[in-house]
Amino acid sequence: MPINVTLDVMLAKRKKRAKDLAEQIGLSETQMSQLRNGKVKGVRFETISKICFILECQPSDILEYIVDENDMNAFN
């Protein structure tokens, strides 16, 4: 998948634990782990907003798009 979750990087920069963040935004530790590992098929904008508010960051600080030429061929 061309979307890479870089939430761990921002957690480290902010010296926060994923467990604490999960509790603050209302996710279970399992859901947080799946999000951090990119194992989710989707994420609500509300969840991204809460993460960004607490970590004082932008969505681009926790998500990145990686260009994959094979994926581009699927759109043609």
N, C-alpha and C. Protein backbone atom coordinates (compact mmCIF):
# COMPACT_ATOMS: atom_id res chain seq x y z
N MET A 1 0.84 -1.17 0.00
CA MET A 1 0.00 0.00 0.00
C MET A 1 0.89 1.24 0.00
N PRO A 2 0.53 2.23 -0.79
CA PRO A 2 1.39 3.42 -0.90
C PRO A 2 1.29 4.40 0.27
N ILE A 3 0.42 4.15 1.25
CA ILE A 3 0.34 5.02 2.42
C ILE A 3 1.12 4.38 3.56
N ASN A 4 2.08 5.11 4.08
CA ASN A 4 2.91 4.63 5.19
C ASN A 4 2.57 5.43 6.44
N VAL A 5 2.33 4.73 7.55
CA VAL A 5 2.00 5.38 8.81
C VAL A 5 3.30 5.64 9.57
N THR A 6 3.58 6.91 9.85
CA THR A 6 4.81 7.30 10.55
C THR A 6 4.50 7.83 11.94
N LEU A 7 3.43 7.33 12.52
CA LEU A 7 3.00 7.76 13.84
C LEU A 7 4.06 7.51 14.90
N ASP A 8 4.76 6.41 14.81
CA ASP A 8 5.81 6.09 15.78
C ASP A 8 6.90 7.16 15.84
N VAL A 9 7.21 7.73 14.70
CA VAL A 9 8.23 8.78 14.64
C VAL A 9 7.77 9.99 15.44
N MET A 10 6.51 10.38 15.23
CA MET A 10 5.98 11.55 15.94
C MET A 10 5.83 11.25 17.43
N LEU A 11 5.44 10.05 17.78
CA LEU A 11 5.36 9.68 19.20
C LEU A 11 6.73 9.82 19.86
N ALA A 12 7.76 9.36 19.18
CA ALA A 12 9.12 9.46 19.73
C ALA A 12 9.55 10.92 19.87
N LYS A 13 9.24 11.74 18.85
CA LYS A 13 9.61 13.15 18.90
C LYS A 13 8.93 13.86 20.07
N ARG A 14 7.70 13.46 20.35
CA ARG A 14 6.92 14.10 21.42
C ARG A 14 7.10 13.40 22.77
N LYS A 15 7.90 12.33 22.76
CA LYS A 15 8.16 11.56 23.99
C LYS A 15 6.86 11.09 24.64
N LYS A 16 5.99 10.54 23.79
CA LYS A 16 4.71 10.01 24.24
C LYS A 16 4.67 8.52 23.97
N ARG A 17 3.91 7.82 24.78
CA ARG A 17 3.73 6.38 24.58
C ARG A 17 2.43 6.15 23.83
N ALA A 18 2.44 5.15 22.95
CA ALA A 18 1.26 4.82 22.16
C ALA A 18 0.09 4.47 23.08
N LYS A 19 0.38 3.80 24.17
CA LYS A 19 -0.66 3.42 25.13
C LYS A 19 -1.36 4.65 25.68
N ASP A 20 -0.61 5.68 26.03
CA ASP A 20 -1.18 6.91 26.56
C ASP A 20 -1.99 7.65 25.51
N LEU A 21 -1.47 7.70 24.28
CA LEU A 21 -2.19 8.35 23.19
C LEU A 21 -3.51 7.64 22.92
N ALA A 22 -3.47 6.32 22.89
CA ALA A 22 -4.69 5.54 22.65
C ALA A 22 -5.75 5.87 23.69
N GLU A 23 -5.34 5.95 24.92
CA GLU A 23 -6.28 6.27 26.00
C GLU A 23 -6.85 7.67 25.83
N GLN A 24 -6.01 8.62 25.46
CA GLN A 24 -6.46 10.01 25.31
C GLN A 24 -7.45 10.20 24.17
N ILE A 25 -7.30 9.42 23.09
CA ILE A 25 -8.19 9.61 21.94
C ILE A 25 -9.32 8.59 21.89
N GLY A 26 -9.34 7.66 22.84
CA GLY A 26 -10.44 6.71 22.91
C GLY A 26 -10.30 5.48 22.03
N LEU A 27 -9.08 5.06 21.77
CA LEU A 27 -8.84 3.81 21.04
C LEU A 27 -8.32 2.76 22.01
N SER A 28 -8.56 1.50 21.68
CA SER A 28 -7.97 0.43 22.46
C SER A 28 -6.49 0.32 22.08
N GLU A 29 -5.73 -0.34 22.91
CA GLU A 29 -4.31 -0.54 22.59
C GLU A 29 -4.16 -1.37 21.32
N THR A 30 -5.07 -2.30 21.11
CA THR A 30 -5.03 -3.13 19.90
C THR A 30 -5.28 -2.28 18.66
N GLN A 31 -6.28 -1.41 18.73
CA GLN A 31 -6.56 -0.52 17.60
C GLN A 31 -5.38 0.40 17.32
N MET A 32 -4.77 0.92 18.37
CA MET A 32 -3.61 1.80 18.19
C MET A 32 -2.46 1.04 17.54
N SER A 33 -2.23 -0.18 17.99
CA SER A 33 -1.16 -1.00 17.42
C SER A 33 -1.41 -1.25 15.94
N GLN A 34 -2.64 -1.57 15.59
CA GLN A 34 -2.98 -1.82 14.19
C GLN A 34 -2.78 -0.56 13.35
N LEU A 35 -3.16 0.58 13.89
CA LEU A 35 -2.96 1.84 13.18
C LEU A 35 -1.48 2.12 12.99
N ARG A 36 -0.69 1.97 14.05
CA ARG A 36 0.74 2.25 13.98
C ARG A 36 1.44 1.33 12.98
N ASN A 37 0.94 0.12 12.84
CA ASN A 37 1.57 -0.85 11.93
C ASN A 37 0.97 -0.84 10.53
N GLY A 38 0.04 0.08 10.27
CA GLY A 38 -0.56 0.16 8.95
C GLY A 38 -1.46 -1.00 8.61
N LYS A 39 -2.02 -1.64 9.61
CA LYS A 39 -2.86 -2.83 9.40
C LYS A 39 -4.34 -2.50 9.31
N VAL A 40 -4.70 -1.23 9.22
CA VAL A 40 -6.10 -0.83 9.11
C VAL A 40 -6.42 -0.49 7.67
N LYS A 41 -7.67 -0.69 7.29
CA LYS A 41 -8.09 -0.36 5.92
C LYS A 41 -8.51 1.09 5.80
N GLY A 42 -8.81 1.72 6.94
CA GLY A 42 -9.23 3.10 6.93
C GLY A 42 -9.11 3.69 8.32
N VAL A 43 -9.15 5.01 8.35
CA VAL A 43 -9.09 5.71 9.62
C VAL A 43 -9.98 6.96 9.51
N ARG A 44 -10.72 7.23 10.53
CA ARG A 44 -11.64 8.38 10.51
C ARG A 44 -10.84 9.68 10.62
N PHE A 45 -11.36 10.71 9.94
CA PHE A 45 -10.74 12.03 10.05
C PHE A 45 -10.77 12.51 11.50
N GLU A 46 -11.81 12.15 12.22
CA GLU A 46 -11.91 12.53 13.63
C GLU A 46 -10.74 11.97 14.43
N THR A 47 -10.36 10.72 14.14
CA THR A 47 -9.23 10.09 14.83
C THR A 47 -7.93 10.80 14.48
N ILE A 48 -7.74 11.10 13.20
CA ILE A 48 -6.54 11.82 12.78
C ILE A 48 -6.50 13.20 13.44
N SER A 49 -7.65 13.86 13.51
CA SER A 49 -7.71 15.17 14.15
C SER A 49 -7.31 15.11 15.61
N LYS A 50 -7.80 14.12 16.32
CA LYS A 50 -7.47 13.96 17.74
C LYS A 50 -5.97 13.70 17.92
N ILE A 51 -5.42 12.82 17.08
CA ILE A 51 -3.99 12.52 17.16
C ILE A 51 -3.17 13.79 16.92
N CYS A 52 -3.53 14.53 15.89
CA CYS A 52 -2.79 15.75 15.55
C CYS A 52 -2.92 16.80 16.65
N PHE A 53 -4.09 16.90 17.25
CA PHE A 53 -4.28 17.87 18.33
C PHE A 53 -3.39 17.53 19.52
N ILE A 54 -3.39 16.27 19.92
CA ILE A 54 -2.62 15.86 21.09
C ILE A 54 -1.12 15.92 20.83
N LEU A 55 -0.70 15.50 19.64
CA LEU A 55 0.74 15.49 19.32
C LEU A 55 1.22 16.83 18.75
N GLU A 56 0.29 17.77 18.58
CA GLU A 56 0.62 19.07 18.01
C GLU A 56 1.39 18.92 16.70
N CYS A 57 0.73 18.26 15.76
CA CYS A 57 1.36 18.00 14.47
C CYS A 57 0.33 18.11 13.36
N GLN A 58 0.76 17.88 12.15
CA GLN A 58 -0.09 17.88 10.97
C GLN A 58 -0.28 16.44 10.49
N PRO A 59 -1.37 16.16 9.75
CA PRO A 59 -1.56 14.80 9.23
C PRO A 59 -0.35 14.29 8.44
N SER A 60 0.32 15.19 7.75
CA SER A 60 1.50 14.78 6.98
C SER A 60 2.67 14.35 7.87
N ASP A 61 2.59 14.66 9.16
CA ASP A 61 3.62 14.21 10.09
C ASP A 61 3.42 12.77 10.53
N ILE A 62 2.22 12.24 10.31
CA ILE A 62 1.94 10.87 10.76
C ILE A 62 1.58 9.93 9.61
N LEU A 63 1.39 10.49 8.40
CA LEU A 63 1.09 9.70 7.22
C LEU A 63 1.94 10.18 6.07
N GLU A 64 2.43 9.26 5.26
CA GLU A 64 3.17 9.67 4.06
C GLU A 64 2.75 8.80 2.88
N TYR A 65 2.78 9.40 1.72
CA TYR A 65 2.44 8.71 0.49
C TYR A 65 3.72 8.32 -0.23
N ILE A 66 3.81 7.05 -0.59
CA ILE A 66 4.97 6.54 -1.30
C ILE A 66 4.54 6.16 -2.72
N VAL A 67 5.17 6.78 -3.70
CA VAL A 67 4.82 6.52 -5.09
C VAL A 67 5.28 5.12 -5.47
N ASP A 68 4.34 4.36 -6.02
CA ASP A 68 4.64 3.00 -6.48
C ASP A 68 4.13 2.91 -7.92
N GLU A 69 5.03 2.76 -8.85
CA GLU A 69 4.66 2.72 -10.26
C GLU A 69 3.68 1.60 -10.56
N ASN A 70 3.76 0.48 -9.86
CA ASN A 70 2.83 -0.63 -10.07
C ASN A 70 1.40 -0.22 -9.71
N ASP A 71 1.25 0.56 -8.66
CA ASP A 71 -0.06 1.05 -8.26
C ASP A 71 -0.63 2.00 -9.31
N MET A 72 0.22 2.82 -9.90
CA MET A 72 -0.24 3.78 -10.90
C MET A 72 -0.80 3.06 -12.12
N ASN A 73 -0.26 1.91 -12.49
CA ASN A 73 -0.75 1.16 -13.64
C ASN A 73 -2.17 0.64 -13.39
N ALA A 74 -2.54 0.42 -12.15
CA ALA A 74 -3.87 -0.07 -11.82
C ALA A 74 -4.94 0.99 -12.09
N PHE A 75 -4.57 2.26 -12.10
CA PHE A 75 -5.52 3.34 -12.32
C PHE A 75 -5.75 3.63 -13.80
N ASN A 76 -4.93 3.09 -14.66
CA ASN A 76 -5.05 3.35 -16.10
C ASN A 76 -5.94 2.37 -16.78
